[in-house]
């Protein structure tokens, strides 16, 4: 039986500001250090590299795509699924699974509804004092 090699793609909007990429790389490196995935990559909607190009370059047979967005919107319900040949997502759909480039793709929901985001908001207010 073939071993499943899991990969992760963090998808952001993209920005020309260098700090945006630094923040995405910060989270990428932290996840890599946990050793949960064979590959961790970053992709963007507005700038390169785009998610479909990143997935084509990956060697993993099962890839989780996590939009680093606060909520569902046109990118998570239409743009990203369509670029991967997946069905359009419903607004509150947790995951969409399909095959792209011969790899199992799991498009996860945006991170914004995770209860830990509440603590990030409060940390932004009170944690810097």
N, C-alpha and C. Protein backbone atom coordinates (compact mmCIF):
# COMPACT_ATOMS: atom_id res chain seq x y z
N UNK A 1 0.84 -1.18 0.00
CA UNK A 1 0.00 0.00 0.00
C UNK A 1 0.89 1.25 0.00
N UNK A 2 0.52 2.21 -0.81
CA UNK A 2 1.30 3.43 -0.94
C UNK A 2 1.04 4.37 0.24
N UNK A 3 2.10 4.93 0.79
CA UNK A 3 1.99 5.86 1.91
C UNK A 3 1.42 7.19 1.41
N UNK A 4 0.51 7.75 2.18
CA UNK A 4 -0.05 9.06 1.84
C UNK A 4 0.93 10.13 2.32
N UNK A 5 1.35 10.97 1.39
CA UNK A 5 2.23 12.08 1.71
C UNK A 5 1.37 13.34 1.70
N UNK A 6 1.27 13.98 2.87
CA UNK A 6 0.38 15.13 3.01
C UNK A 6 1.13 16.45 2.88
N UNK A 7 0.48 17.36 2.16
CA UNK A 7 1.01 18.70 1.99
C UNK A 7 -0.02 19.72 2.44
N UNK A 8 0.45 20.94 2.65
CA UNK A 8 -0.41 22.05 3.08
C UNK A 8 -0.06 23.27 2.25
N UNK A 9 -1.11 23.96 1.79
CA UNK A 9 -0.93 25.23 1.10
C UNK A 9 -1.72 26.29 1.85
N UNK A 10 -1.02 27.32 2.31
CA UNK A 10 -1.66 28.47 2.93
C UNK A 10 -1.91 29.49 1.83
N UNK A 11 -3.17 29.89 1.65
CA UNK A 11 -3.52 30.82 0.56
C UNK A 11 -3.91 32.16 1.16
N UNK A 12 -3.21 33.20 0.73
CA UNK A 12 -3.53 34.57 1.14
C UNK A 12 -3.98 35.38 -0.06
N UNK A 13 -4.41 36.61 0.22
CA UNK A 13 -4.81 37.50 -0.87
C UNK A 13 -3.61 37.88 -1.73
N UNK A 14 -2.49 38.16 -1.08
CA UNK A 14 -1.31 38.66 -1.78
C UNK A 14 -1.23 40.17 -1.62
N UNK A 15 -0.02 40.68 -1.62
CA UNK A 15 0.20 42.10 -1.45
C UNK A 15 1.57 42.46 -2.00
N UNK A 16 1.73 43.70 -2.39
CA UNK A 16 3.05 44.18 -2.82
C UNK A 16 3.90 44.59 -1.62
N UNK A 17 3.29 44.69 -0.45
CA UNK A 17 4.03 45.07 0.75
C UNK A 17 4.83 43.88 1.26
N UNK A 18 6.11 44.06 1.54
CA UNK A 18 6.95 42.93 1.95
C UNK A 18 6.54 42.31 3.29
N UNK A 19 5.95 43.09 4.17
CA UNK A 19 5.57 42.54 5.48
C UNK A 19 4.53 41.44 5.34
N UNK A 20 3.67 41.54 4.35
CA UNK A 20 2.64 40.52 4.13
C UNK A 20 3.29 39.16 3.92
N UNK A 21 4.28 39.10 3.04
CA UNK A 21 4.98 37.84 2.77
C UNK A 21 5.72 37.35 4.02
N UNK A 22 6.28 38.27 4.79
CA UNK A 22 6.97 37.89 6.03
C UNK A 22 6.02 37.20 6.99
N UNK A 23 4.81 37.73 7.12
CA UNK A 23 3.82 37.13 8.03
C UNK A 23 3.41 35.75 7.54
N UNK A 24 3.16 35.62 6.24
CA UNK A 24 2.80 34.31 5.69
C UNK A 24 3.94 33.30 5.90
N UNK A 25 5.17 33.72 5.67
CA UNK A 25 6.32 32.84 5.87
C UNK A 25 6.50 32.47 7.35
N UNK A 26 6.19 33.39 8.23
CA UNK A 26 6.27 33.11 9.67
C UNK A 26 5.39 31.91 10.03
N UNK A 27 4.14 31.95 9.57
CA UNK A 27 3.22 30.84 9.86
C UNK A 27 3.63 29.57 9.13
N UNK A 28 4.09 29.70 7.92
CA UNK A 28 4.57 28.55 7.15
C UNK A 28 5.69 27.86 7.91
N UNK A 29 6.67 28.61 8.37
CA UNK A 29 7.82 28.02 9.08
C UNK A 29 7.41 27.38 10.39
N UNK A 30 6.49 28.00 11.11
CA UNK A 30 6.02 27.41 12.36
C UNK A 30 5.35 26.06 12.11
N UNK A 31 4.53 25.99 11.06
CA UNK A 31 3.86 24.73 10.74
C UNK A 31 4.87 23.70 10.27
N UNK A 32 5.83 24.11 9.46
CA UNK A 32 6.88 23.18 9.02
C UNK A 32 7.61 22.59 10.22
N UNK A 33 7.92 23.41 11.20
CA UNK A 33 8.64 22.95 12.39
C UNK A 33 7.86 21.92 13.20
N UNK A 34 6.55 21.90 13.06
CA UNK A 34 5.72 20.92 13.77
C UNK A 34 5.83 19.52 13.15
N UNK A 35 6.26 19.44 11.90
CA UNK A 35 6.47 18.16 11.25
C UNK A 35 5.20 17.39 10.90
N UNK A 36 4.09 18.08 10.77
CA UNK A 36 2.82 17.42 10.46
C UNK A 36 2.63 17.16 8.97
N UNK A 37 3.32 17.92 8.13
CA UNK A 37 3.17 17.82 6.69
C UNK A 37 4.53 17.63 6.03
N UNK A 38 4.55 16.90 4.93
CA UNK A 38 5.78 16.71 4.17
C UNK A 38 6.19 18.00 3.45
N UNK A 39 5.20 18.77 3.04
CA UNK A 39 5.45 20.03 2.34
C UNK A 39 4.49 21.08 2.86
N UNK A 40 4.98 22.30 3.04
CA UNK A 40 4.14 23.44 3.39
C UNK A 40 4.51 24.55 2.41
N UNK A 41 3.52 25.06 1.71
CA UNK A 41 3.76 26.09 0.71
C UNK A 41 2.81 27.26 0.93
N UNK A 42 3.13 28.35 0.26
CA UNK A 42 2.31 29.57 0.29
C UNK A 42 1.87 29.87 -1.13
N UNK A 43 0.61 30.31 -1.27
CA UNK A 43 0.08 30.73 -2.56
C UNK A 43 -0.78 31.97 -2.34
N UNK A 44 -1.10 32.64 -3.42
CA UNK A 44 -1.87 33.88 -3.33
C UNK A 44 -2.94 33.94 -4.41
N UNK A 45 -3.95 34.76 -4.16
CA UNK A 45 -5.01 34.97 -5.13
C UNK A 45 -4.60 36.06 -6.12
N UNK A 46 -4.07 37.20 -5.62
CA UNK A 46 -3.78 38.35 -6.47
C UNK A 46 -2.36 38.37 -7.03
N UNK A 47 -1.43 37.76 -6.33
CA UNK A 47 -0.04 37.78 -6.77
C UNK A 47 0.45 36.35 -6.95
N UNK A 48 1.61 36.19 -7.52
CA UNK A 48 2.17 34.86 -7.72
C UNK A 48 2.98 34.45 -6.51
N UNK A 49 3.07 33.17 -6.25
CA UNK A 49 2.54 32.05 -7.01
C UNK A 49 1.07 31.80 -6.69
N UNK A 50 0.31 31.38 -7.70
CA UNK A 50 -1.10 31.04 -7.53
C UNK A 50 -1.23 29.61 -7.05
N UNK A 51 -2.37 29.31 -6.43
CA UNK A 51 -2.56 28.00 -5.78
C UNK A 51 -2.44 26.84 -6.76
N UNK A 52 -2.98 26.98 -7.95
CA UNK A 52 -2.90 25.87 -8.90
C UNK A 52 -1.46 25.59 -9.32
N UNK A 53 -0.67 26.65 -9.51
CA UNK A 53 0.74 26.46 -9.87
C UNK A 53 1.53 25.81 -8.74
N UNK A 54 1.26 26.23 -7.51
CA UNK A 54 1.94 25.66 -6.34
C UNK A 54 1.64 24.17 -6.23
N UNK A 55 0.37 23.81 -6.37
CA UNK A 55 -0.02 22.40 -6.24
C UNK A 55 0.62 21.56 -7.34
N UNK A 56 0.70 22.08 -8.55
CA UNK A 56 1.35 21.33 -9.64
C UNK A 56 2.80 21.00 -9.30
N UNK A 57 3.48 21.88 -8.57
CA UNK A 57 4.89 21.68 -8.22
C UNK A 57 5.08 20.74 -7.03
N UNK A 58 4.03 20.50 -6.27
CA UNK A 58 4.16 19.69 -5.05
C UNK A 58 4.20 18.20 -5.37
N UNK A 59 4.86 17.45 -4.51
CA UNK A 59 4.98 16.01 -4.67
C UNK A 59 3.98 15.24 -3.81
N UNK A 60 3.32 15.92 -2.88
CA UNK A 60 2.36 15.28 -1.97
C UNK A 60 1.18 14.71 -2.75
N UNK A 61 0.66 13.59 -2.25
CA UNK A 61 -0.49 12.96 -2.89
C UNK A 61 -1.81 13.48 -2.32
N UNK A 62 -1.77 14.09 -1.15
CA UNK A 62 -2.96 14.65 -0.50
C UNK A 62 -2.57 16.04 0.00
N UNK A 63 -3.30 17.05 -0.48
CA UNK A 63 -2.93 18.44 -0.18
C UNK A 63 -4.12 19.19 0.42
N UNK A 64 -3.88 19.77 1.58
CA UNK A 64 -4.87 20.60 2.26
C UNK A 64 -4.60 22.05 1.89
N UNK A 65 -5.65 22.73 1.45
CA UNK A 65 -5.56 24.12 1.04
C UNK A 65 -6.35 24.94 2.06
N UNK A 66 -5.65 25.83 2.77
CA UNK A 66 -6.29 26.62 3.83
C UNK A 66 -6.25 28.10 3.47
N UNK A 67 -7.41 28.69 3.20
CA UNK A 67 -7.46 30.13 2.95
C UNK A 67 -7.23 30.89 4.26
N UNK A 68 -6.22 31.72 4.26
CA UNK A 68 -5.91 32.52 5.44
C UNK A 68 -6.71 33.82 5.32
N UNK A 69 -8.04 33.64 5.38
CA UNK A 69 -9.00 34.74 5.25
C UNK A 69 -9.91 34.71 6.47
N UNK A 70 -10.55 35.83 6.74
CA UNK A 70 -11.41 35.94 7.92
C UNK A 70 -12.76 35.25 7.70
N UNK A 71 -13.22 35.15 6.46
CA UNK A 71 -14.50 34.50 6.21
C UNK A 71 -14.59 34.06 4.76
N UNK A 72 -15.66 33.31 4.46
CA UNK A 72 -15.92 32.95 3.08
C UNK A 72 -16.24 34.19 2.27
N UNK A 73 -15.88 34.16 1.04
CA UNK A 73 -16.16 35.23 0.09
C UNK A 73 -15.97 34.67 -1.30
N UNK A 74 -15.90 35.54 -2.28
CA UNK A 74 -15.80 35.10 -3.67
C UNK A 74 -14.54 34.26 -3.92
N UNK A 75 -13.47 34.53 -3.20
CA UNK A 75 -12.24 33.75 -3.42
C UNK A 75 -12.39 32.31 -2.94
N UNK A 76 -13.06 32.12 -1.81
CA UNK A 76 -13.18 30.77 -1.26
C UNK A 76 -14.35 30.00 -1.84
N UNK A 77 -15.36 30.69 -2.32
CA UNK A 77 -16.52 29.99 -2.87
C UNK A 77 -16.45 29.81 -4.39
N UNK A 78 -15.66 30.65 -5.06
CA UNK A 78 -15.62 30.60 -6.53
C UNK A 78 -14.19 30.51 -7.07
N UNK A 79 -13.37 31.52 -6.80
CA UNK A 79 -12.06 31.63 -7.45
C UNK A 79 -11.14 30.44 -7.19
N UNK A 80 -10.91 30.12 -5.91
CA UNK A 80 -9.99 29.02 -5.59
C UNK A 80 -10.55 27.68 -6.06
N UNK A 81 -11.82 27.37 -5.74
CA UNK A 81 -12.34 26.08 -6.24
C UNK A 81 -12.26 25.95 -7.76
N UNK A 82 -12.62 27.00 -8.48
CA UNK A 82 -12.60 26.93 -9.94
C UNK A 82 -11.18 26.74 -10.47
N UNK A 83 -10.19 27.39 -9.83
CA UNK A 83 -8.81 27.25 -10.31
C UNK A 83 -8.29 25.83 -10.13
N UNK A 84 -8.94 25.07 -9.23
CA UNK A 84 -8.53 23.70 -8.96
C UNK A 84 -9.50 22.68 -9.56
N UNK A 85 -10.45 23.15 -10.36
CA UNK A 85 -11.40 22.25 -10.99
C UNK A 85 -12.37 21.62 -10.00
N UNK A 86 -12.60 22.28 -8.87
CA UNK A 86 -13.53 21.77 -7.87
C UNK A 86 -14.87 22.46 -8.02
N UNK A 87 -15.89 21.88 -7.42
CA UNK A 87 -17.21 22.52 -7.48
C UNK A 87 -17.18 23.80 -6.66
N UNK A 88 -18.05 24.71 -7.01
CA UNK A 88 -18.16 25.95 -6.23
C UNK A 88 -18.61 25.62 -4.82
N UNK A 89 -18.10 26.35 -3.87
CA UNK A 89 -18.42 26.12 -2.46
C UNK A 89 -19.66 26.89 -2.06
N UNK A 90 -20.39 26.31 -1.14
CA UNK A 90 -21.47 27.04 -0.50
C UNK A 90 -20.84 27.92 0.58
N UNK A 91 -21.53 28.97 0.96
CA UNK A 91 -20.95 29.96 1.88
C UNK A 91 -20.51 29.38 3.22
N UNK A 92 -21.21 28.37 3.72
CA UNK A 92 -20.85 27.82 5.03
C UNK A 92 -20.29 26.40 4.93
N UNK A 93 -19.87 26.02 3.74
CA UNK A 93 -19.34 24.68 3.55
C UNK A 93 -17.96 24.57 4.21
N UNK A 94 -17.77 23.52 5.00
CA UNK A 94 -16.53 23.34 5.75
C UNK A 94 -15.37 22.91 4.86
N UNK A 95 -15.60 21.96 3.97
CA UNK A 95 -14.53 21.43 3.11
C UNK A 95 -15.09 21.00 1.77
N UNK A 96 -14.25 21.10 0.78
CA UNK A 96 -14.56 20.58 -0.54
C UNK A 96 -13.39 19.67 -0.92
N UNK A 97 -13.71 18.47 -1.38
CA UNK A 97 -12.66 17.54 -1.77
C UNK A 97 -12.78 17.23 -3.25
N UNK A 98 -11.64 17.00 -3.85
CA UNK A 98 -11.62 16.64 -5.26
C UNK A 98 -10.22 16.24 -5.68
N UNK A 99 -10.04 16.07 -6.96
CA UNK A 99 -8.75 15.69 -7.53
C UNK A 99 -8.29 16.81 -8.46
N UNK A 100 -7.03 17.20 -8.30
CA UNK A 100 -6.42 18.19 -9.19
C UNK A 100 -4.99 17.73 -9.47
N UNK A 101 -4.63 17.66 -10.71
CA UNK A 101 -3.29 17.25 -11.11
C UNK A 101 -2.92 15.89 -10.52
N UNK A 102 -3.92 15.00 -10.42
CA UNK A 102 -3.70 13.66 -9.91
C UNK A 102 -3.53 13.58 -8.40
N UNK A 103 -3.81 14.66 -7.70
CA UNK A 103 -3.62 14.71 -6.25
C UNK A 103 -4.96 14.97 -5.57
N UNK A 104 -5.16 14.35 -4.40
CA UNK A 104 -6.37 14.63 -3.63
C UNK A 104 -6.23 16.01 -3.02
N UNK A 105 -7.24 16.85 -3.25
CA UNK A 105 -7.25 18.21 -2.72
C UNK A 105 -8.37 18.33 -1.70
N UNK A 106 -8.05 18.92 -0.56
CA UNK A 106 -9.04 19.22 0.46
C UNK A 106 -8.99 20.73 0.68
N UNK A 107 -10.00 21.42 0.14
CA UNK A 107 -10.10 22.86 0.33
C UNK A 107 -10.84 23.10 1.64
N UNK A 108 -10.12 23.61 2.62
CA UNK A 108 -10.67 23.82 3.96
C UNK A 108 -11.37 25.17 4.05
N UNK A 109 -12.12 25.38 5.10
CA UNK A 109 -12.80 26.65 5.30
C UNK A 109 -11.79 27.71 5.75
N UNK A 110 -12.11 28.99 5.54
CA UNK A 110 -11.23 30.06 6.01
C UNK A 110 -11.06 29.99 7.53
N UNK A 111 -9.98 30.57 8.02
CA UNK A 111 -9.63 30.44 9.44
C UNK A 111 -10.42 31.36 10.37
N UNK A 112 -11.13 32.32 9.83
CA UNK A 112 -11.75 33.36 10.65
C UNK A 112 -12.77 32.91 11.66
N UNK A 113 -13.46 31.79 11.42
CA UNK A 113 -14.48 31.35 12.37
C UNK A 113 -13.90 30.45 13.46
N UNK A 114 -12.59 30.22 13.44
CA UNK A 114 -11.96 29.44 14.49
C UNK A 114 -12.00 30.23 15.80
N UNK A 115 -12.44 29.61 16.90
CA UNK A 115 -12.53 30.33 18.18
C UNK A 115 -11.21 30.95 18.64
N UNK A 116 -10.09 30.42 18.21
CA UNK A 116 -8.80 30.99 18.63
C UNK A 116 -8.57 32.38 18.04
N UNK A 117 -9.26 32.73 16.97
CA UNK A 117 -9.13 34.08 16.39
C UNK A 117 -9.60 35.12 17.40
N UNK A 118 -10.59 34.78 18.23
CA UNK A 118 -11.06 35.70 19.27
C UNK A 118 -9.89 36.10 20.18
N UNK A 119 -9.06 35.12 20.52
CA UNK A 119 -7.90 35.42 21.38
C UNK A 119 -6.87 36.26 20.64
N UNK A 120 -6.72 36.06 19.35
CA UNK A 120 -5.79 36.89 18.56
C UNK A 120 -6.27 38.34 18.56
N UNK A 121 -7.58 38.54 18.47
CA UNK A 121 -8.13 39.90 18.52
C UNK A 121 -7.84 40.53 19.87
N UNK A 122 -8.13 39.80 20.94
CA UNK A 122 -7.87 40.34 22.28
C UNK A 122 -6.39 40.56 22.53
N UNK A 123 -5.55 39.68 21.99
CA UNK A 123 -4.10 39.83 22.14
C UNK A 123 -3.63 41.09 21.41
N UNK A 124 -4.27 41.44 20.32
CA UNK A 124 -3.93 42.65 19.60
C UNK A 124 -4.22 43.89 20.44
N UNK A 125 -5.27 43.82 21.26
CA UNK A 125 -5.64 44.94 22.10
C UNK A 125 -4.80 44.97 23.39
N UNK A 126 -4.74 43.84 24.08
CA UNK A 126 -4.15 43.81 25.42
C UNK A 126 -2.75 43.20 25.49
N UNK A 127 -2.34 42.47 24.50
CA UNK A 127 -1.09 41.74 24.58
C UNK A 127 0.17 42.54 24.32
N UNK A 128 0.03 43.74 23.83
CA UNK A 128 1.20 44.55 23.45
C UNK A 128 1.58 45.55 24.54
N UNK A 129 0.88 45.53 25.64
CA UNK A 129 1.15 46.53 26.70
C UNK A 129 2.39 46.19 27.49
